Amino acid sequence: MPNFLTDDFNLVDITDQTKQQAFDITAVPTSTRRVAKYLGYDATLPFVGHGVANTAGEIEKINLTGQNTALAGQLLNPASLAGYYLVCYTVTCTTGDGTAGSIQFGVQYTDDAGATGQYGTALVLTIPGRDRGIFQVYQASGNMAYTTTLVGIAATSLYALRVRVMYLGP
């Protein structure tokens, strides 16, 4: 486990925030499991990735803007640990079009009963607006993925998608 005496782990000041610090573990390889112990409680810490889901066990952050098509089967955390997750999302219509349809965010995974998914409220793309929520997910195995489903046409409307995933433990 990294300690304060190695080059793998540092406590750094966040220069753009007042009185905040962060753990810097950039030197720890992605193959190393990150475990922290606080007051006698062991927990696996969630770490946000670089935005491209291509590393096994890495939790990704999604920041997409200027979208006007559906997104199918995009990975959130390939070869992830089994356990409980929170998936937080916001879909925002940034440019409306009076002839456009709607867009809906969803997350797909495998729980104890098999393949399943959860879906947000369909957001109309005719005027600017937003849908946001948090899904509680128990993932038994496999990958977690997300989709956006377009009903009707996008026309000239645009939307943004922001997603964060937090691992809460087995």
Foldseek 3Di string as FASTA:
>chain_A
DDDPVDPQWDWADDVVDPPDIDIDRVVPDPVDFAWDADPNDIWGWQDEDDAAADDAQHAYKHKFWFDFDKFPWGFGHFNHDFAKKKKKKKKWWPAAAQQFAWKKKKKWAAAPVGTDIDIWDTGGRHDIDMTIDMDIDGHGGGTMTMIMDGDGGSPNIIMIMTMGMTGGHD
